Amino acid sequence: NEIGHPRLGVVVPRSGRTAVARNRLRRRVREIARRQVLADVGAVDLVIRARAAAYTSSFSDLAAELTSWARSRSA
């Protein structure tokens, strides 16, 4: 992008979940991306689409999945 820093979009499925659960998942994914994924990339626009199984995943499982995905894309 032309802004000079990375931007992030997070899409979470409704799948019968409450707004509280969707917002919690969105915050968790955004924090993981901020700490571990966006620190290593340049000025890109990144959209992460979570699956319904992410609602029941732990924070560490989500972090491991996102970081392994980011490493596979950068190599």
PDB file of N, CA and C in Angstrom:
ATOM      1  N   ASN A   1       0.834  -1.181   0.000  1.00  0.00           N
ATOM      2  CA  ASN A   1       0.000   0.000   0.000  1.00  0.00           C
ATOM      3  C   ASN A   1       0.878   1.244   0.000  1.00  0.00           C
ATOM      4  N   GLU A   2       0.299   2.381  -0.239  1.00  0.00           N
ATOM      5  CA  GLU A   2       1.044   3.632  -0.328  1.00  0.00           C
ATOM      6  C   GLU A   2       1.155   4.357   1.003  1.00  0.00           C
ATOM      7  N   ILE A   3       0.543   3.843   2.054  1.00  0.00           N
ATOM      8  CA  ILE A   3       0.527   4.515   3.355  1.00  0.00           C
ATOM      9  C   ILE A   3       1.881   4.421   4.050  1.00  0.00           C
ATOM     10  N   GLY A   4       2.579   3.342   3.844  1.00  0.00           N
ATOM     11  CA  GLY A   4       3.884   3.183   4.451  1.00  0.00           C
ATOM     12  C   GLY A   4       3.919   2.276   5.667  1.00  0.00           C
ATOM     13  N   HIS A   5       2.789   1.738   6.063  1.00  0.00           N
ATOM     14  CA  HIS A   5       2.734   0.796   7.181  1.00  0.00           C
ATOM     15  C   HIS A   5       1.687  -0.257   6.877  1.00  0.00           C
ATOM     16  N   PRO A   6       1.779  -1.429   7.521  1.00  0.00           N
ATOM     17  CA  PRO A   6       0.811  -2.487   7.232  1.00  0.00           C
ATOM     18  C   PRO A   6      -0.575  -2.160   7.781  1.00  0.00           C
ATOM     19  N   ARG A   7      -1.589  -2.650   7.059  1.00  0.00           N
ATOM     20  CA  ARG A   7      -2.979  -2.534   7.515  1.00  0.00           C
ATOM     21  C   ARG A   7      -3.563  -3.931   7.632  1.00  0.00           C
ATOM     22  N   LEU A   8      -4.492  -4.084   8.555  1.00  0.00           N
ATOM     23  CA  LEU A   8      -5.052  -5.407   8.843  1.00  0.00           C
ATOM     24  C   LEU A   8      -6.572  -5.342   8.852  1.00  0.00           C
ATOM     25  N   GLY A   9      -7.183  -6.327   8.223  1.00  0.00           N
ATOM     26  CA  GLY A   9      -8.623  -6.528   8.289  1.00  0.00           C
ATOM     27  C   GLY A   9      -8.889  -7.923   8.815  1.00  0.00           C
ATOM     28  N   VAL A  10      -9.846  -8.070   9.713  1.00  0.00           N
ATOM     29  CA  VAL A  10     -10.173  -9.374  10.296  1.00  0.00           C
ATOM     30  C   VAL A  10     -11.642  -9.657  10.042  1.00  0.00           C
ATOM     31  N   VAL A  11     -11.910 -10.813   9.456  1.00  0.00           N
ATOM     32  CA  VAL A  11     -13.276 -11.240   9.166  1.00  0.00           C
ATOM     33  C   VAL A  11     -13.553 -12.482   9.994  1.00  0.00           C
ATOM     34  N   VAL A  12     -14.618 -12.452  10.786  1.00  0.00           N
ATOM     35  CA  VAL A  12     -14.997 -13.610  11.591  1.00  0.00           C
ATOM     36  C   VAL A  12     -16.407 -14.045  11.208  1.00  0.00           C
ATOM     37  N   PRO A  13     -16.666 -15.359  11.204  1.00  0.00           N
ATOM     38  CA  PRO A  13     -17.992 -15.834  10.828  1.00  0.00           C
ATOM     39  C   PRO A  13     -19.008 -15.624  11.944  1.00  0.00           C
ATOM     40  N   ARG A  14     -20.234 -15.429  11.561  1.00  0.00           N
ATOM     41  CA  ARG A  14     -21.301 -15.319  12.572  1.00  0.00           C
ATOM     42  C   ARG A  14     -21.568 -16.680  13.198  1.00  0.00           C
ATOM     43  N   SER A  15     -21.860 -17.644  12.387  1.00  0.00           N
ATOM     44  CA  SER A  15     -22.090 -19.050  12.779  1.00  0.00           C
ATOM     45  C   SER A  15     -22.825 -19.212  14.104  1.00  0.00           C
ATOM     46  N   GLY A  16     -23.869 -18.423  14.320  1.00  0.00           N
ATOM     47  CA  GLY A  16     -24.679 -18.567  15.516  1.00  0.00           C
ATOM     48  C   GLY A  16     -24.040 -18.063  16.780  1.00  0.00           C
ATOM     49  N   ARG A  17     -22.992 -17.287  16.679  1.00  0.00           N
ATOM     50  CA  ARG A  17     -22.295 -16.764  17.857  1.00  0.00           C
ATOM     51  C   ARG A  17     -22.819 -15.383  18.214  1.00  0.00           C
ATOM     52  N   THR A  18     -22.609 -14.993  19.445  1.00  0.00           N
ATOM     53  CA  THR A  18     -23.042 -13.674  19.891  1.00  0.00           C
ATOM     54  C   THR A  18     -22.030 -12.617  19.430  1.00  0.00           C
ATOM     55  N   ALA A  19     -22.446 -11.370  19.496  1.00  0.00           N
ATOM     56  CA  ALA A  19     -21.551 -10.269  19.136  1.00  0.00           C
ATOM     57  C   ALA A  19     -20.339 -10.230  20.067  1.00  0.00           C
ATOM     58  N   VAL A  20     -20.538 -10.600  21.314  1.00  0.00           N
ATOM     59  CA  VAL A  20     -19.439 -10.625  22.285  1.00  0.00           C
ATOM     60  C   VAL A  20     -18.382 -11.641  21.852  1.00  0.00           C
ATOM     61  N   ALA A  21     -18.812 -12.828  21.448  1.00  0.00           N
ATOM     62  CA  ALA A  21     -17.878 -13.866  21.016  1.00  0.00           C
ATOM     63  C   ALA A  21     -17.159 -13.449  19.738  1.00  0.00           C
ATOM     64  N   ARG A  22     -17.884 -12.850  18.793  1.00  0.00           N
ATOM     65  CA  ARG A  22     -17.251 -12.404  17.547  1.00  0.00           C
ATOM     66  C   ARG A  22     -16.225 -11.319  17.818  1.00  0.00           C
ATOM     67  N   ASN A  23     -16.542 -10.366  18.668  1.00  0.00           N
ATOM     68  CA  ASN A  23     -15.608  -9.288  18.977  1.00  0.00           C
ATOM     69  C   ASN A  23     -14.387  -9.808  19.737  1.00  0.00           C
ATOM     70  N   ARG A  24     -14.590 -10.775  20.630  1.00  0.00           N
ATOM     71  CA  ARG A  24     -13.473 -11.361  21.363  1.00  0.00           C
ATOM     72  C   ARG A  24     -12.508 -12.048  20.403  1.00  0.00           C
ATOM     73  N   LEU A  25     -13.051 -12.831  19.473  1.00  0.00           N
ATOM     74  CA  LEU A  25     -12.204 -13.501  18.485  1.00  0.00           C
ATOM     75  C   LEU A  25     -11.488 -12.478  17.613  1.00  0.00           C
ATOM     76  N   ARG A  26     -12.173 -11.460  17.192  1.00  0.00           N
ATOM     77  CA  ARG A  26     -11.565 -10.408  16.373  1.00  0.00           C
ATOM     78  C   ARG A  26     -10.412  -9.729  17.121  1.00  0.00           C
ATOM     79  N   ARG A  27     -10.611  -9.430  18.404  1.00  0.00           N
ATOM     80  CA  ARG A  27      -9.551  -8.803  19.201  1.00  0.00           C
ATOM     81  C   ARG A  27      -8.353  -9.724  19.375  1.00  0.00           C
ATOM     82  N   ARG A  28      -8.614 -11.008  19.593  1.00  0.00           N
ATOM     83  CA  ARG A  28      -7.528 -11.965  19.773  1.00  0.00           C
ATOM     84  C   ARG A  28      -6.688 -12.082  18.503  1.00  0.00           C
ATOM     85  N   VAL A  29      -7.347 -12.215  17.361  1.00  0.00           N
ATOM     86  CA  VAL A  29      -6.637 -12.341  16.087  1.00  0.00           C
ATOM     87  C   VAL A  29      -5.857 -11.064  15.782  1.00  0.00           C
ATOM     88  N   ARG A  30      -6.463  -9.927  16.036  1.00  0.00           N
ATOM     89  CA  ARG A  30      -5.795  -8.643  15.779  1.00  0.00           C
ATOM     90  C   ARG A  30      -4.548  -8.487  16.657  1.00  0.00           C
ATOM     91  N   GLU A  31      -4.626  -8.889  17.916  1.00  0.00           N
ATOM     92  CA  GLU A  31      -3.481  -8.783  18.819  1.00  0.00           C
ATOM     93  C   GLU A  31      -2.354  -9.726  18.397  1.00  0.00           C
ATOM     94  N   ILE A  32      -2.690 -10.945  18.014  1.00  0.00           N
ATOM     95  CA  ILE A  32      -1.676 -11.887  17.542  1.00  0.00           C
ATOM     96  C   ILE A  32      -1.004 -11.343  16.289  1.00  0.00           C
ATOM     97  N   ALA A  33      -1.787 -10.839  15.374  1.00  0.00           N
ATOM     98  CA  ALA A  33      -1.226 -10.293  14.139  1.00  0.00           C
ATOM     99  C   ALA A  33      -0.349  -9.086  14.437  1.00  0.00           C
ATOM    100  N   ARG A  34      -0.749  -8.239  15.349  1.00  0.00           N
ATOM    101  CA  ARG A  34       0.025  -7.047  15.688  1.00  0.00           C
ATOM    102  C   ARG A  34       1.375  -7.432  16.279  1.00  0.00           C
ATOM    103  N   ARG A  35       1.384  -8.414  17.172  1.00  0.00           N
ATOM    104  CA  ARG A  35       2.619  -8.801  17.852  1.00  0.00           C
ATOM    105  C   ARG A  35       3.556  -9.621  16.981  1.00  0.00           C
ATOM    106  N   GLN A  36       3.012 -10.556  16.198  1.00  0.00           N
ATOM    107  CA  GLN A  36       3.865 -11.556  15.584  1.00  0.00           C
ATOM    108  C   GLN A  36       3.896 -11.537  14.068  1.00  0.00           C
ATOM    109  N   VAL A  37       2.854 -11.079  13.423  1.00  0.00           N
ATOM    110  CA  VAL A  37       2.803 -11.160  11.966  1.00  0.00           C
ATOM    111  C   VAL A  37       3.168  -9.826  11.330  1.00  0.00           C
ATOM    112  N   LEU A  38       2.516  -8.761  11.737  1.00  0.00           N
ATOM    113  CA  LEU A  38       2.726  -7.469  11.093  1.00  0.00           C
ATOM    114  C   LEU A  38       4.085  -6.862  11.397  1.00  0.00           C
ATOM    115  N   ALA A  39       4.739  -7.307  12.443  1.00  0.00           N
ATOM    116  CA  ALA A  39       6.059  -6.776  12.780  1.00  0.00           C
ATOM    117  C   ALA A  39       7.098  -7.176  11.740  1.00  0.00           C
ATOM    118  N   ASP A  40       6.866  -8.260  11.021  1.00  0.00           N
ATOM    119  CA  ASP A  40       7.849  -8.782  10.074  1.00  0.00           C
ATOM    120  C   ASP A  40       7.561  -8.444   8.620  1.00  0.00           C
ATOM    121  N   VAL A  41       6.465  -7.772   8.348  1.00  0.00           N
ATOM    122  CA  VAL A  41       6.117  -7.472   6.961  1.00  0.00           C
ATOM    123  C   VAL A  41       6.243  -5.982   6.697  1.00  0.00           C
ATOM    124  N   GLY A  42       6.298  -5.646   5.448  1.00  0.00           N
ATOM    125  CA  GLY A  42       6.391  -4.240   5.063  1.00  0.00           C
ATOM    126  C   GLY A  42       5.019  -3.597   5.000  1.00  0.00           C
ATOM    127  N   ALA A  43       4.897  -2.649   4.116  1.00  0.00           N
ATOM    128  CA  ALA A  43       3.645  -1.908   3.958  1.00  0.00           C
ATOM    129  C   ALA A  43       2.694  -2.712   3.074  1.00  0.00           C
ATOM    130  N   VAL A  44       1.945  -3.618   3.698  1.00  0.00           N
ATOM    131  CA  VAL A  44       1.005  -4.466   2.968  1.00  0.00           C
ATOM    132  C   VAL A  44      -0.382  -4.340   3.585  1.00  0.00           C
ATOM    133  N   ASP A  45      -1.364  -4.708   2.807  1.00  0.00           N
ATOM    134  CA  ASP A  45      -2.729  -4.833   3.299  1.00  0.00           C
ATOM    135  C   ASP A  45      -3.003  -6.317   3.482  1.00  0.00           C
ATOM    136  N   LEU A  46      -3.382  -6.721   4.688  1.00  0.00           N
ATOM    137  CA  LEU A  46      -3.591  -8.126   5.006  1.00  0.00           C
ATOM    138  C   LEU A  46      -5.000  -8.314   5.553  1.00  0.00           C
ATOM    139  N   VAL A  47      -5.716  -9.288   4.995  1.00  0.00           N
ATOM    140  CA  VAL A  47      -7.051  -9.634   5.483  1.00  0.00           C
ATOM    141  C   VAL A  47      -7.002 -11.070   5.983  1.00  0.00           C
ATOM    142  N   ILE A  48      -7.397 -11.264   7.233  1.00  0.00           N
ATOM    143  CA  ILE A  48      -7.428 -12.594   7.838  1.00  0.00           C
ATOM    144  C   ILE A  48      -8.882 -12.996   7.996  1.00  0.00           C
ATOM    145  N   ARG A  49      -9.238 -14.150   7.441  1.00  0.00           N
ATOM    146  CA  ARG A  49     -10.596 -14.671   7.556  1.00  0.00           C
ATOM    147  C   ARG A  49     -10.548 -15.876   8.479  1.00  0.00           C
ATOM    148  N   ALA A  50     -11.135 -15.735   9.654  1.00  0.00           N
ATOM    149  CA  ALA A  50     -11.139 -16.816  10.635  1.00  0.00           C
ATOM    150  C   ALA A  50     -12.218 -17.841  10.290  1.00  0.00           C
ATOM    151  N   ARG A  51     -11.976 -19.045  10.673  1.00  0.00           N
ATOM    152  CA  ARG A  51     -12.972 -20.110  10.503  1.00  0.00           C
ATOM    153  C   ARG A  51     -13.763 -20.273  11.785  1.00  0.00           C
ATOM    154  N   ALA A  52     -14.866 -20.972  11.715  1.00  0.00           N
ATOM    155  CA  ALA A  52     -15.722 -21.162  12.882  1.00  0.00           C
ATOM    156  C   ALA A  52     -15.004 -21.910  14.002  1.00  0.00           C
ATOM    157  N   ALA A  53     -14.061 -22.770  13.654  1.00  0.00           N
ATOM    158  CA  ALA A  53     -13.324 -23.524  14.673  1.00  0.00           C
ATOM    159  C   ALA A  53     -12.448 -22.618  15.532  1.00  0.00           C
ATOM    160  N   ALA A  54     -12.163 -21.419  15.068  1.00  0.00           N
ATOM    161  CA  ALA A  54     -11.323 -20.490  15.829  1.00  0.00           C
ATOM    162  C   ALA A  54     -11.996 -20.036  17.115  1.00  0.00           C
ATOM    163  N   TYR A  55     -13.313 -20.104  17.189  1.00  0.00           N
ATOM    164  CA  TYR A  55     -14.027 -19.705  18.402  1.00  0.00           C
ATOM    165  C   TYR A  55     -13.645 -20.577  19.604  1.00  0.00           C
ATOM    166  N   THR A  56     -13.344 -21.832  19.347  1.00  0.00           N
ATOM    167  CA  THR A  56     -13.030 -22.746  20.445  1.00  0.00           C
ATOM    168  C   THR A  56     -11.534 -22.953  20.641  1.00  0.00           C
ATOM    169  N   SER A  57     -10.718 -22.321  19.810  1.00  0.00           N
ATOM    170  CA  SER A  57      -9.258 -22.460  19.920  1.00  0.00           C
ATOM    171  C   SER A  57      -8.718 -21.573  21.025  1.00  0.00           C
ATOM    172  N   SER A  58      -7.639 -22.022  21.635  1.00  0.00           N
ATOM    173  CA  SER A  58      -6.984 -21.212  22.660  1.00  0.00           C
ATOM    174  C   SER A  58      -6.150 -20.127  21.987  1.00  0.00           C
ATOM    175  N   PHE A  59      -5.742 -19.153  22.775  1.00  0.00           N
ATOM    176  CA  PHE A  59      -4.933 -18.055  22.264  1.00  0.00           C
ATOM    177  C   PHE A  59      -3.617 -18.587  21.700  1.00  0.00           C
ATOM    178  N   SER A  60      -3.002 -19.531  22.391  1.00  0.00           N
ATOM    179  CA  SER A  60      -1.722 -20.078  21.930  1.00  0.00           C
ATOM    180  C   SER A  60      -1.885 -20.878  20.640  1.00  0.00           C
ATOM    181  N   ASP A  61      -3.008 -21.586  20.493  1.00  0.00           N
ATOM    182  CA  ASP A  61      -3.255 -22.316  19.250  1.00  0.00           C
ATOM    183  C   ASP A  61      -3.449 -21.357  18.080  1.00  0.00           C
ATOM    184  N   LEU A  62      -4.198 -20.286  18.306  1.00  0.00           N
ATOM    185  CA  LEU A  62      -4.382 -19.279  17.264  1.00  0.00           C
ATOM    186  C   LEU A  62      -3.059 -18.636  16.888  1.00  0.00           C
ATOM    187  N   ALA A  63      -2.254 -18.322  17.888  1.00  0.00           N
ATOM    188  CA  ALA A  63      -0.955 -17.693  17.627  1.00  0.00           C
ATOM    189  C   ALA A  63      -0.054 -18.624  16.825  1.00  0.00           C
ATOM    190  N   ALA A  64      -0.019 -19.898  17.191  1.00  0.00           N
ATOM    191  CA  ALA A  64       0.809 -20.855  16.465  1.00  0.00           C
ATOM    192  C   ALA A  64       0.360 -20.985  15.015  1.00  0.00           C
ATOM    193  N   GLU A  65      -0.928 -21.030  14.801  1.00  0.00           N
ATOM    194  CA  GLU A  65      -1.467 -21.164  13.449  1.00  0.00           C
ATOM    195  C   GLU A  65      -1.144 -19.940  12.594  1.00  0.00           C
ATOM    196  N   LEU A  66      -1.347 -18.761  13.145  1.00  0.00           N
ATOM    197  CA  LEU A  66      -1.076 -17.541  12.383  1.00  0.00           C
ATOM    198  C   LEU A  66       0.409 -17.356  12.100  1.00  0.00           C
ATOM    199  N   THR A  67       1.252 -17.627  13.068  1.00  0.00           N
ATOM    200  CA  THR A  67       2.682 -17.448  12.836  1.00  0.00           C
ATOM    201  C   THR A  67       3.227 -18.479  11.848  1.00  0.00           C
ATOM    202  N   SER A  68       2.731 -19.706  11.903  1.00  0.00           N
ATOM    203  CA  SER A  68       3.188 -20.704  10.931  1.00  0.00           C
ATOM    204  C   SER A  68       2.727 -20.336   9.526  1.00  0.00           C
ATOM    205  N   TRP A  69       1.529 -19.785   9.420  1.00  0.00           N
ATOM    206  CA  TRP A  69       1.046 -19.331   8.115  1.00  0.00           C
ATOM    207  C   TRP A  69       1.908 -18.184   7.595  1.00  0.00           C
ATOM    208  N   ALA A  70       2.227 -17.239   8.459  1.00  0.00           N
ATOM    209  CA  ALA A  70       3.039 -16.080   8.051  1.00  0.00           C
ATOM    210  C   ALA A  70       4.436 -16.522   7.624  1.00  0.00           C
ATOM    211  N   ARG A  71       5.013 -17.466   8.355  1.00  0.00           N
ATOM    212  CA  ARG A  71       6.349 -17.961   7.992  1.00  0.00           C
ATOM    213  C   ARG A  71       6.326 -18.664   6.640  1.00  0.00           C
ATOM    214  N   SER A  72       5.260 -19.424   6.364  1.00  0.00           N
ATOM    215  CA  SER A  72       5.184 -20.133   5.090  1.00  0.00           C
ATOM    216  C   SER A  72       5.014 -19.171   3.927  1.00  0.00           C
ATOM    217  N   ARG A  73       4.391 -18.037   4.170  1.00  0.00           N
ATOM    218  CA  ARG A  73       4.207 -17.039   3.108  1.00  0.00           C
ATOM    219  C   ARG A  73       5.455 -16.212   2.859  1.00  0.00           C
ATOM    220  N   SER A  74       6.260 -16.012   3.877  1.00  0.00           N
ATOM    221  CA  SER A  74       7.446 -15.170   3.718  1.00  0.00           C
ATOM    222  C   SER A  74       8.622 -15.944   3.131  1.00  0.00           C
ATOM    223  N   ALA A  75       8.573 -17.260   3.194  1.00  0.00           N
ATOM    224  CA  ALA A  75       9.698 -18.063   2.687  1.00  0.00           C
ATOM    225  C   ALA A  75       9.622 -18.272   1.194  1.00  0.00           C
TER     226      ALA A  75
END
